[in-house]
PDB file of N, CA and C in Angstrom:
ATOM      1  N   MET A   1     -46.651  12.023 -47.115  1.00  0.00           N
ATOM      2  CA  MET A   1     -46.254  11.111 -45.523  1.00  0.00           C
ATOM      3  C   MET A   1     -45.090  11.522 -45.475  1.00  0.00           C
ATOM      4  N   ALA A   2     -44.291  11.408 -44.333  1.00  0.00           N
ATOM      5  CA  ALA A   2     -42.893  11.498 -44.204  1.00  0.00           C
ATOM      6  C   ALA A   2     -42.813  10.115 -44.449  1.00  0.00           C
ATOM      7  N   LYS A   3     -41.220  10.229 -45.043  1.00  0.00           N
ATOM      8  CA  LYS A   3     -40.543   9.029 -44.328  1.00  0.00           C
ATOM      9  C   LYS A   3     -40.110   8.464 -43.025  1.00  0.00           C
ATOM     10  N   ALA A   4     -40.129   7.517 -42.950  1.00  0.00           N
ATOM     11  CA  ALA A   4     -39.796   7.262 -41.493  1.00  0.00           C
ATOM     12  C   ALA A   4     -37.963   7.535 -40.865  1.00  0.00           C
ATOM     13  N   ALA A   5     -37.555   8.198 -40.651  1.00  0.00           N
ATOM     14  CA  ALA A   5     -36.359   8.334 -39.916  1.00  0.00           C
ATOM     15  C   ALA A   5     -35.686   7.217 -39.901  1.00  0.00           C
ATOM     16  N   ARG A   6     -34.861   6.884 -40.095  1.00  0.00           N
ATOM     17  CA  ARG A   6     -33.975   5.335 -39.214  1.00  0.00           C
ATOM     18  C   ARG A   6     -33.828   6.144 -37.876  1.00  0.00           C
ATOM     19  N   LEU A   7     -33.720   5.700 -36.678  1.00  0.00           N
ATOM     20  CA  LEU A   7     -33.561   6.037 -35.244  1.00  0.00           C
ATOM     21  C   LEU A   7     -31.583   5.448 -35.502  1.00  0.00           C
ATOM     22  N   PHE A   8     -30.572   6.203 -34.659  1.00  0.00           N
ATOM     23  CA  PHE A   8     -29.321   5.217 -34.668  1.00  0.00           C
ATOM     24  C   PHE A   8     -28.899   5.869 -32.800  1.00  0.00           C
ATOM     25  N   GLU A   9     -28.120   4.646 -32.733  1.00  0.00           N
ATOM     26  CA  GLU A   9     -27.985   4.218 -31.220  1.00  0.00           C
ATOM     27  C   GLU A   9     -26.453   5.083 -30.815  1.00  0.00           C
ATOM     28  N   VAL A  10     -26.947   5.364 -29.655  1.00  0.00           N
ATOM     29  CA  VAL A  10     -25.013   5.771 -29.348  1.00  0.00           C
ATOM     30  C   VAL A  10     -25.484   6.042 -27.805  1.00  0.00           C
ATOM     31  N   VAL A  11     -23.324   5.260 -27.005  1.00  0.00           N
ATOM     32  CA  VAL A  11     -23.412   5.177 -26.061  1.00  0.00           C
ATOM     33  C   VAL A  11     -22.947   6.134 -24.993  1.00  0.00           C
ATOM     34  N   CYS A  12     -23.981   6.513 -24.039  1.00  0.00           N
ATOM     35  CA  CYS A  12     -23.118   8.025 -23.637  1.00  0.00           C
ATOM     36  C   CYS A  12     -21.324   7.148 -23.056  1.00  0.00           C
ATOM     37  N   PRO A  13     -20.607   8.360 -22.827  1.00  0.00           N
ATOM     38  CA  PRO A  13     -19.566   7.952 -22.608  1.00  0.00           C
ATOM     39  C   PRO A  13     -19.243   8.041 -21.470  1.00  0.00           C
ATOM     40  N   CYS A  14     -20.076   9.126 -20.404  1.00  0.00           N
ATOM     41  CA  CYS A  14     -20.460   9.252 -18.889  1.00  0.00           C
ATOM     42  C   CYS A  14     -20.480   8.208 -18.401  1.00  0.00           C
ATOM     43  N   CYS A  15     -22.270   8.038 -18.797  1.00  0.00           N
ATOM     44  CA  CYS A  15     -22.803   7.201 -17.423  1.00  0.00           C
ATOM     45  C   CYS A  15     -22.598   5.982 -18.503  1.00  0.00           C
ATOM     46  N   GLN A  16     -22.440   5.437 -19.338  1.00  0.00           N
ATOM     47  CA  GLN A  16     -22.730   4.327 -20.240  1.00  0.00           C
ATOM     48  C   GLN A  16     -24.381   3.908 -20.322  1.00  0.00           C
ATOM     49  N   ALA A  17     -24.971   4.742 -20.573  1.00  0.00           N
ATOM     50  CA  ALA A  17     -26.374   5.014 -21.106  1.00  0.00           C
ATOM     51  C   ALA A  17     -26.907   4.562 -22.573  1.00  0.00           C
ATOM     52  N   GLU A  18     -27.536   3.928 -23.229  1.00  0.00           N
ATOM     53  CA  GLU A  18     -28.278   3.704 -24.703  1.00  0.00           C
ATOM     54  C   GLU A  18     -28.817   4.661 -25.480  1.00  0.00           C
ATOM     55  N   LEU A  19     -28.354   5.482 -25.818  1.00  0.00           N
ATOM     56  CA  LEU A  19     -29.736   6.685 -26.286  1.00  0.00           C
ATOM     57  C   LEU A  19     -30.132   6.169 -27.898  1.00  0.00           C
ATOM     58  N   LYS A  20     -30.862   6.433 -28.145  1.00  0.00           N
ATOM     59  CA  LYS A  20     -31.625   6.323 -29.299  1.00  0.00           C
ATOM     60  C   LYS A  20     -31.887   7.659 -29.512  1.00  0.00           C
ATOM     61  N   ILE A  21     -31.253   8.152 -31.070  1.00  0.00           N
ATOM     62  CA  ILE A  21     -31.466   9.336 -31.283  1.00  0.00           C
ATOM     63  C   ILE A  21     -31.948   9.415 -33.062  1.00  0.00           C
ATOM     64  N   ASP A  22     -33.152  10.948 -32.989  1.00  0.00           N
ATOM     65  CA  ASP A  22     -33.841  10.990 -34.339  1.00  0.00           C
ATOM     66  C   ASP A  22     -32.837  12.098 -34.797  1.00  0.00           C
ATOM     67  N   PRO A  23     -32.643  11.335 -36.555  1.00  0.00           N
ATOM     68  CA  PRO A  23     -31.335  12.701 -36.825  1.00  0.00           C
ATOM     69  C   PRO A  23     -32.576  13.823 -37.450  1.00  0.00           C
ATOM     70  N   GLU A  24     -33.418  13.184 -37.411  1.00  0.00           N
ATOM     71  CA  GLU A  24     -34.146  15.157 -38.609  1.00  0.00           C
ATOM     72  C   GLU A  24     -34.361  15.725 -37.236  1.00  0.00           C
ATOM     73  N   THR A  25     -34.716  15.240 -36.056  1.00  0.00           N
ATOM     74  CA  THR A  25     -35.125  16.041 -35.363  1.00  0.00           C
ATOM     75  C   THR A  25     -34.242  16.631 -34.007  1.00  0.00           C
ATOM     76  N   GLU A  26     -33.026  15.882 -33.829  1.00  0.00           N
ATOM     77  CA  GLU A  26     -31.690  15.646 -32.808  1.00  0.00           C
ATOM     78  C   GLU A  26     -31.940  15.005 -32.024  1.00  0.00           C
ATOM     79  N   ALA A  27     -33.016  14.995 -31.529  1.00  0.00           N
ATOM     80  CA  ALA A  27     -33.770  14.633 -30.432  1.00  0.00           C
ATOM     81  C   ALA A  27     -33.334  12.740 -29.595  1.00  0.00           C
ATOM     82  N   VAL A  28     -33.407  13.235 -28.350  1.00  0.00           N
ATOM     83  CA  VAL A  28     -33.290  12.464 -27.872  1.00  0.00           C
ATOM     84  C   VAL A  28     -34.726  11.538 -27.496  1.00  0.00           C
ATOM     85  N   ILE A  29     -35.009   9.659 -28.270  1.00  0.00           N
ATOM     86  CA  ILE A  29     -36.030   9.460 -28.609  1.00  0.00           C
ATOM     87  C   ILE A  29     -36.005   8.189 -27.251  1.00  0.00           C
ATOM     88  N   THR A  30     -35.509   7.587 -27.591  1.00  0.00           N
ATOM     89  CA  THR A  30     -35.822   6.941 -26.001  1.00  0.00           C
ATOM     90  C   THR A  30     -34.589   7.124 -25.272  1.00  0.00           C
ATOM     91  N   TYR A  31     -34.484   6.316 -24.099  1.00  0.00           N
ATOM     92  CA  TYR A  31     -33.168   6.303 -23.171  1.00  0.00           C
ATOM     93  C   TYR A  31     -33.085   5.239 -22.155  1.00  0.00           C
ATOM     94  N   LYS A  32     -32.281   3.863 -22.053  1.00  0.00           N
ATOM     95  CA  LYS A  32     -32.139   3.003 -21.170  1.00  0.00           C
ATOM     96  C   LYS A  32     -30.599   3.176 -20.608  1.00  0.00           C
ATOM     97  N   GLN A  33     -30.979   2.951 -19.308  1.00  0.00           N
ATOM     98  CA  GLN A  33     -29.897   3.378 -18.381  1.00  0.00           C
ATOM     99  C   GLN A  33     -29.162   1.940 -18.444  1.00  0.00           C
ATOM    100  N   PRO A  34     -28.055   1.611 -18.068  1.00  0.00           N
ATOM    101  CA  PRO A  34     -27.171   1.009 -17.574  1.00  0.00           C
ATOM    102  C   PRO A  34     -27.234   0.269 -16.393  1.00  0.00           C
ATOM    103  N   GLU A  35     -28.095  -1.513 -16.450  1.00  0.00           N
ATOM    104  CA  GLU A  35     -27.849  -2.407 -15.251  1.00  0.00           C
ATOM    105  C   GLU A  35     -26.923  -1.918 -14.205  1.00  0.00           C
ATOM    106  N   LYS A  36     -26.903  -1.850 -12.705  1.00  0.00           N
ATOM    107  CA  LYS A  36     -25.313  -1.832 -12.285  1.00  0.00           C
ATOM    108  C   LYS A  36     -25.499  -2.592 -11.132  1.00  0.00           C
ATOM    109  N   PRO A  37     -24.657  -3.615 -11.322  1.00  0.00           N
ATOM    110  CA  PRO A  37     -24.781  -4.672 -10.333  1.00  0.00           C
ATOM    111  C   PRO A  37     -24.148  -4.548  -9.377  1.00  0.00           C
ATOM    112  N   ARG A  38     -25.540  -5.606  -8.641  1.00  0.00           N
ATOM    113  CA  ARG A  38     -24.696  -5.460  -6.783  1.00  0.00           C
ATOM    114  C   ARG A  38     -24.130  -5.567  -6.145  1.00  0.00           C
ATOM    115  N   THR A  39     -24.414  -5.170  -5.551  1.00  0.00           N
ATOM    116  CA  THR A  39     -23.114  -4.730  -4.579  1.00  0.00           C
ATOM    117  C   THR A  39     -22.446  -5.697  -3.873  1.00  0.00           C
ATOM    118  N   ILE A  40     -23.882  -5.738  -2.649  1.00  0.00           N
ATOM    119  CA  ILE A  40     -24.097  -6.939  -2.200  1.00  0.00           C
ATOM    120  C   ILE A  40     -24.853  -8.364  -2.317  1.00  0.00           C
ATOM    121  N   GLU A  41     -24.409  -9.558  -2.845  1.00  0.00           N
ATOM    122  CA  GLU A  41     -25.072 -10.777  -2.865  1.00  0.00           C
ATOM    123  C   GLU A  41     -27.078 -11.315  -2.158  1.00  0.00           C
ATOM    124  N   ASP A  42     -26.262 -10.938  -0.923  1.00  0.00           N
ATOM    125  CA  ASP A  42     -27.190 -11.810   0.618  1.00  0.00           C
ATOM    126  C   ASP A  42     -27.781 -10.726   1.487  1.00  0.00           C
ATOM    127  N   ILE A  43     -28.928 -10.470   1.721  1.00  0.00           N
ATOM    128  CA  ILE A  43     -29.347  -9.951   2.321  1.00  0.00           C
ATOM    129  C   ILE A  43     -28.603  -9.939   4.342  1.00  0.00           C
ATOM    130  N   GLY A  44     -28.208 -10.807   4.883  1.00  0.00           N
ATOM    131  CA  GLY A  44     -27.760 -10.683   5.800  1.00  0.00           C
ATOM    132  C   GLY A  44     -26.323 -10.739   6.485  1.00  0.00           C
ATOM    133  N   ALA A  45     -25.789 -10.499   4.918  1.00  0.00           N
ATOM    134  CA  ALA A  45     -24.153  -9.808   4.940  1.00  0.00           C
ATOM    135  C   ALA A  45     -23.846  -8.762   4.761  1.00  0.00           C
ATOM    136  N   GLY A  46     -25.643  -7.837   3.916  1.00  0.00           N
ATOM    137  CA  GLY A  46     -25.340  -6.245   3.324  1.00  0.00           C
ATOM    138  C   GLY A  46     -26.192  -5.922   5.529  1.00  0.00           C
ATOM    139  N   LEU A  47     -27.112  -5.858   5.913  1.00  0.00           N
ATOM    140  CA  LEU A  47     -27.141  -6.349   7.589  1.00  0.00           C
ATOM    141  C   LEU A  47     -25.568  -6.160   8.506  1.00  0.00           C
ATOM    142  N   GLU A  48     -24.735  -7.239   8.170  1.00  0.00           N
ATOM    143  CA  GLU A  48     -23.954  -7.278   9.327  1.00  0.00           C
ATOM    144  C   GLU A  48     -22.576  -6.036   8.648  1.00  0.00           C
ATOM    145  N   LYS A  49     -23.015  -5.959   7.275  1.00  0.00           N
ATOM    146  CA  LYS A  49     -22.533  -4.440   6.838  1.00  0.00           C
ATOM    147  C   LYS A  49     -22.954  -3.203   7.762  1.00  0.00           C
ATOM    148  N   LEU A  50     -23.763  -3.196   7.628  1.00  0.00           N
ATOM    149  CA  LEU A  50     -24.816  -1.730   8.107  1.00  0.00           C
ATOM    150  C   LEU A  50     -24.330  -1.831  10.153  1.00  0.00           C
ATOM    151  N   LYS A  51     -24.306  -2.657  10.702  1.00  0.00           N
ATOM    152  CA  LYS A  51     -24.452  -3.275  11.498  1.00  0.00           C
ATOM    153  C   LYS A  51     -22.484  -2.648  11.716  1.00  0.00           C
ATOM    154  N   GLY A  52     -21.998  -3.503  11.198  1.00  0.00           N
ATOM    155  CA  GLY A  52     -20.708  -2.505  10.980  1.00  0.00           C
ATOM    156  C   GLY A  52     -20.197  -0.927  11.420  1.00  0.00           C
ATOM    157  N   GLU A  53     -21.058  -0.367  10.248  1.00  0.00           N
ATOM    158  CA  GLU A  53     -20.834   0.931   9.249  1.00  0.00           C
ATOM    159  C   GLU A  53     -21.287   1.524  11.032  1.00  0.00           C
ATOM    160  N   ALA A  54     -21.989   1.172  12.147  1.00  0.00           N
ATOM    161  CA  ALA A  54     -22.871   2.424  12.822  1.00  0.00           C
ATOM    162  C   ALA A  54     -21.947   2.170  13.409  1.00  0.00           C
ATOM    163  N   ALA A  55     -21.103   1.201  14.269  1.00  0.00           N
ATOM    164  CA  ALA A  55     -19.715   0.956  15.524  1.00  0.00           C
ATOM    165  C   ALA A  55     -18.520   2.084  14.562  1.00  0.00           C
ATOM    166  N   ARG A  56     -18.395   1.525  13.365  1.00  0.00           N
ATOM    167  CA  ARG A  56     -17.255   2.407  12.659  1.00  0.00           C
ATOM    168  C   ARG A  56     -18.100   4.083  13.043  1.00  0.00           C
ATOM    169  N   ARG A  57     -18.789   4.333  12.301  1.00  0.00           N
ATOM    170  CA  ARG A  57     -19.322   5.787  12.281  1.00  0.00           C
ATOM    171  C   ARG A  57     -19.346   6.046  14.155  1.00  0.00           C
ATOM    172  N   GLU A  58     -19.724   5.654  14.866  1.00  0.00           N
ATOM    173  CA  GLU A  58     -19.597   5.970  16.505  1.00  0.00           C
ATOM    174  C   GLU A  58     -18.719   6.231  17.018  1.00  0.00           C
ATOM    175  N   GLU A  59     -17.198   5.784  16.558  1.00  0.00           N
ATOM    176  CA  GLU A  59     -16.160   5.432  16.768  1.00  0.00           C
ATOM    177  C   GLU A  59     -15.228   6.903  16.464  1.00  0.00           C
ATOM    178  N   ALA A  60     -15.969   7.186  15.552  1.00  0.00           N
ATOM    179  CA  ALA A  60     -14.660   7.992  14.628  1.00  0.00           C
ATOM    180  C   ALA A  60     -16.006   9.395  15.658  1.00  0.00           C
ATOM    181  N   PHE A  61     -17.136   9.464  16.017  1.00  0.00           N
ATOM    182  CA  PHE A  61     -17.544  10.739  16.035  1.00  0.00           C
ATOM    183  C   PHE A  61     -17.229  10.458  17.685  1.00  0.00           C
ATOM    184  N   ARG A  62     -16.638   9.928  18.412  1.00  0.00           N
ATOM    185  CA  ARG A  62     -16.115   9.699  19.566  1.00  0.00           C
ATOM    186  C   ARG A  62     -14.773  10.515  19.747  1.00  0.00           C
ATOM    187  N   LYS A  63     -14.141   9.811  18.647  1.00  0.00           N
ATOM    188  CA  LYS A  63     -12.440  10.310  18.427  1.00  0.00           C
ATOM    189  C   LYS A  63     -12.654  12.004  18.489  1.00  0.00           C
ATOM    190  N   SER A  64     -13.251  12.059  17.032  1.00  0.00           N
ATOM    191  CA  SER A  64     -13.668  13.769  16.897  1.00  0.00           C
ATOM    192  C   SER A  64     -13.695  14.056  17.812  1.00  0.00           C
ATOM    193  N   PHE A  65     -14.914  13.755  18.984  1.00  0.00           N
ATOM    194  CA  PHE A  65     -15.861  14.699  20.105  1.00  0.00           C
ATOM    195  C   PHE A  65     -14.513  14.748  20.950  1.00  0.00           C
ATOM    196  N   GLU A  66     -13.584  13.804  21.301  1.00  0.00           N
ATOM    197  CA  GLU A  66     -12.348  14.163  22.667  1.00  0.00           C
ATOM    198  C   GLU A  66     -11.697  14.723  21.487  1.00  0.00           C
ATOM    199  N   ALA A  67     -11.142  14.918  20.654  1.00  0.00           N
ATOM    200  CA  ALA A  67     -10.209  16.136  20.196  1.00  0.00           C
ATOM    201  C   ALA A  67     -10.538  17.209  20.034  1.00  0.00           C
ATOM    202  N   GLU A  68     -11.318  17.143  20.028  1.00  0.00           N
ATOM    203  CA  GLU A  68     -12.388  19.069  20.295  1.00  0.00           C
ATOM    204  C   GLU A  68     -12.346  19.330  21.365  1.00  0.00           C
ATOM    205  N   LYS A  69     -13.395  18.041  21.899  1.00  0.00           N
ATOM    206  CA  LYS A  69     -12.675  18.708  23.725  1.00  0.00           C
ATOM    207  C   LYS A  69     -11.034  19.058  23.884  1.00  0.00           C
ATOM    208  N   MET A  70     -10.253  18.244  23.644  1.00  0.00           N
ATOM    209  CA  MET A  70      -9.516  18.713  24.179  1.00  0.00           C
ATOM    210  C   MET A  70      -8.397  20.012  24.033  1.00  0.00           C
ATOM    211  N   GLY A  71      -8.915  19.971  22.188  1.00  0.00           N
ATOM    212  CA  GLY A  71      -8.831  21.617  21.301  1.00  0.00           C
ATOM    213  C   GLY A  71      -9.188  22.692  22.351  1.00  0.00           C
ATOM    214  N   ALA A  72     -10.109  22.458  23.439  1.00  0.00           N
ATOM    215  CA  ALA A  72     -10.854  24.161  23.683  1.00  0.00           C
ATOM    216  C   ALA A  72      -9.892  23.930  24.816  1.00  0.00           C
ATOM    217  N   GLU A  73      -9.827  22.697  25.027  1.00  0.00           N
ATOM    218  CA  GLU A  73      -8.367  22.697  27.013  1.00  0.00           C
ATOM    219  C   GLU A  73      -6.506  23.790  26.013  1.00  0.00           C
ATOM    220  N   VAL A  74      -6.748  23.101  25.033  1.00  0.00           N
ATOM    221  CA  VAL A  74      -5.300  23.941  24.681  1.00  0.00           C
ATOM    222  C   VAL A  74      -5.371  25.227  24.021  1.00  0.00           C
ATOM    223  N   ARG A  75      -6.284  25.550  22.818  1.00  0.00           N
ATOM    224  CA  ARG A  75      -7.105  26.532  23.061  1.00  0.00           C
ATOM    225  C   ARG A  75      -7.119  27.869  24.456  1.00  0.00           C
ATOM    226  N   ALA A  76      -7.699  27.038  25.842  1.00  0.00           N
ATOM    227  CA  ALA A  76      -7.411  27.813  27.145  1.00  0.00           C
ATOM    228  C   ALA A  76      -6.104  28.352  27.099  1.00  0.00           C
ATOM    229  N   ARG A  77      -5.618  27.049  27.467  1.00  0.00           N
ATOM    230  CA  ARG A  77      -3.854  27.177  27.987  1.00  0.00           C
ATOM    231  C   ARG A  77      -3.241  28.356  27.135  1.00  0.00           C
ATOM    232  N   LYS A  78      -3.890  28.408  25.326  1.00  0.00           N
ATOM    233  CA  LYS A  78      -2.617  29.442  25.303  1.00  0.00           C
ATOM    234  C   LYS A  78      -3.230  30.817  25.617  1.00  0.00           C
ATOM    235  N   PHE A  79      -4.579  31.008  25.754  1.00  0.00           N
ATOM    236  CA  PHE A  79      -4.805  31.889  26.161  1.00  0.00           C
ATOM    237  C   PHE A  79      -4.766  33.049  27.620  1.00  0.00           C
ATOM    238  N   GLU A  80      -4.588  31.885  28.445  1.00  0.00           N
ATOM    239  CA  GLU A  80      -3.981  31.540  29.888  1.00  0.00           C
ATOM    240  C   GLU A  80      -2.320  32.650  30.002  1.00  0.00           C
ATOM    241  N   GLU A  81      -1.695  31.872  28.877  1.00  0.00           N
ATOM    242  CA  GLU A  81      -0.224  32.378  29.024  1.00  0.00           C
ATOM    243  C   GLU A  81      -0.484  33.159  28.131  1.00  0.00           C
ATOM    244  N   LEU A  82      -1.240  33.878  27.142  1.00  0.00           N
ATOM    245  CA  LEU A  82      -0.751  35.445  26.371  1.00  0.00           C
ATOM    246  C   LEU A  82      -1.549  36.239  27.319  1.00  0.00           C
ATOM    247  N   PHE A  83      -2.566  35.754  28.014  1.00  0.00           N
ATOM    248  CA  PHE A  83      -3.298  37.128  29.046  1.00  0.00           C
ATOM    249  C   PHE A  83      -1.686  37.410  29.857  1.00  0.00           C
ATOM    250  N   LYS A  84      -0.880  36.392  31.051  1.00  0.00           N
ATOM    251  CA  LYS A  84      -0.146  36.442  31.486  1.00  0.00           C
ATOM    252  C   LYS A  84       1.354  37.518  31.311  1.00  0.00           C
ATOM    253  N   LYS A  85       1.133  37.283  30.215  1.00  0.00           N
ATOM    254  CA  LYS A  85       2.620  37.527  29.269  1.00  0.00           C
ATOM    255  C   LYS A  85       2.323  39.527  28.804  1.00  0.00           C
ATOM    256  N   ALA A  86       0.948  39.187  28.607  1.00  0.00           N
ATOM    257  CA  ALA A  86       0.403  40.728  28.548  1.00  0.00           C
ATOM    258  C   ALA A  86       0.129  41.344  29.436  1.00  0.00           C
ATOM    259  N   LYS A  87      -0.230  40.785  30.871  1.00  0.00           N
ATOM    260  CA  LYS A  87       0.012  41.657  32.223  1.00  0.00           C
ATOM    261  C   LYS A  87       1.391  41.973  32.979  1.00  0.00           C
ATOM    262  N   GLU A  88       2.801  40.888  32.526  1.00  0.00           N
ATOM    263  CA  GLU A  88       3.282  41.020  32.754  1.00  0.00           C
ATOM    264  C   GLU A  88       4.440  41.989  32.155  1.00  0.00           C
ATOM    265  N   SER A  89       4.034  42.397  30.638  1.00  0.00           N
ATOM    266  CA  SER A  89       4.750  43.327  29.815  1.00  0.00           C
ATOM    267  C   SER A  89       3.714  45.062  29.810  1.00  0.00           C
ATOM    268  N   ARG A  90       3.366  44.884  30.947  1.00  0.00           N
ATOM    269  CA  ARG A  90       2.318  46.666  31.340  1.00  0.00           C
ATOM    270  C   ARG A  90       3.371  47.504  30.492  1.00  0.00           C
ATOM    271  N   GLU A  91       4.262  47.417  31.007  1.00  0.00           N
ATOM    272  CA  GLU A  91       5.670  48.673  31.608  1.00  0.00           C
ATOM    273  C   GLU A  91       5.160  49.027  29.655  1.00  0.00           C
ATOM    274  N   GLU A  92       5.790  48.202  29.143  1.00  0.00           N
ATOM    275  CA  GLU A  92       6.162  48.710  27.462  1.00  0.00           C
ATOM    276  C   GLU A  92       4.859  49.147  27.497  1.00  0.00           C
ATOM    277  N   PRO A  93       5.350  50.470  25.856  1.00  0.00           N
ATOM    278  CA  PRO A  93       3.663  50.694  25.235  1.00  0.00           C
ATOM    279  C   PRO A  93       3.434  50.056  23.663  1.00  0.00           C
ATOM    280  N   PRO A  94       1.975  49.887  23.692  1.00  0.00           N
ATOM    281  CA  PRO A  94       1.973  48.567  22.946  1.00  0.00           C
ATOM    282  C   PRO A  94       2.242  49.423  21.332  1.00  0.00           C
ATOM    283  N   PRO A  95       2.700  48.437  20.441  1.00  0.00           N
ATOM    284  CA  PRO A  95       3.442  48.192  19.299  1.00  0.00           C
ATOM    285  C   PRO A  95       2.979  49.308  18.588  1.00  0.00           C
ATOM    286  N   VAL A  96       3.345  49.521  17.170  1.00  0.00           N
ATOM    287  CA  VAL A  96       2.706  51.118  16.474  1.00  0.00           C
ATOM    288  C   VAL A  96       1.958  50.499  15.721  1.00  0.00           C
ATOM    289  N   ARG A  97       0.745  51.113  15.120  1.00  0.00           N
ATOM    290  CA  ARG A  97      -0.018  50.114  13.693  1.00  0.00           C
ATOM    291  C   ARG A  97       0.409  51.180  13.181  1.00  0.00           C
ATOM    292  N   ASP A  98       0.182  50.373  11.990  1.00  0.00           N
ATOM    293  CA  ASP A  98       0.117  51.469  10.687  1.00  0.00           C
ATOM    294  C   ASP A  98      -0.628  52.631  11.191  1.00  0.00           C
ATOM    295  N   ILE A  99      -1.984  52.150  11.314  1.00  0.00           N
ATOM    296  CA  ILE A  99      -2.774  53.122  10.331  1.00  0.00           C
ATOM    297  C   ILE A  99      -2.457  54.457  11.682  1.00  0.00           C
ATOM    298  N   ASP A 100      -2.208  53.934  13.165  1.00  0.00           N
ATOM    299  CA  ASP A 100      -1.353  55.375  13.950  1.00  0.00           C
ATOM    300  C   ASP A 100      -0.213  55.998  13.310  1.00  0.00           C
ATOM    301  N   LEU A 101       0.115  55.480  12.172  1.00  0.00           N
ATOM    302  CA  LEU A 101       1.041  56.416  11.393  1.00  0.00           C
ATOM    303  C   LEU A 101       1.048  57.548  10.069  1.00  0.00           C
TER     304      LEU A 101
END
């Protein structure tokens, strides 16, 4: 019969999990995740926090929507100005491109 190898314990530096490793097979025999502390102690407080988050998300969406709408107007105005400038400078020949040389 093979002699029972003594397992040794290691704590993972990344996730703080406890690992028991068999030195003969070099395999993890058991794995225990660390307990995470509760972030919310009271269910009512958690519910209030979720309601606040929904309002915050809605406000962020509204601001983003308004900024996008204003961006579209700005792009349209820039296009109109460049189009006007292009119409006014029809007498000038188009600029020479590298590929034309």
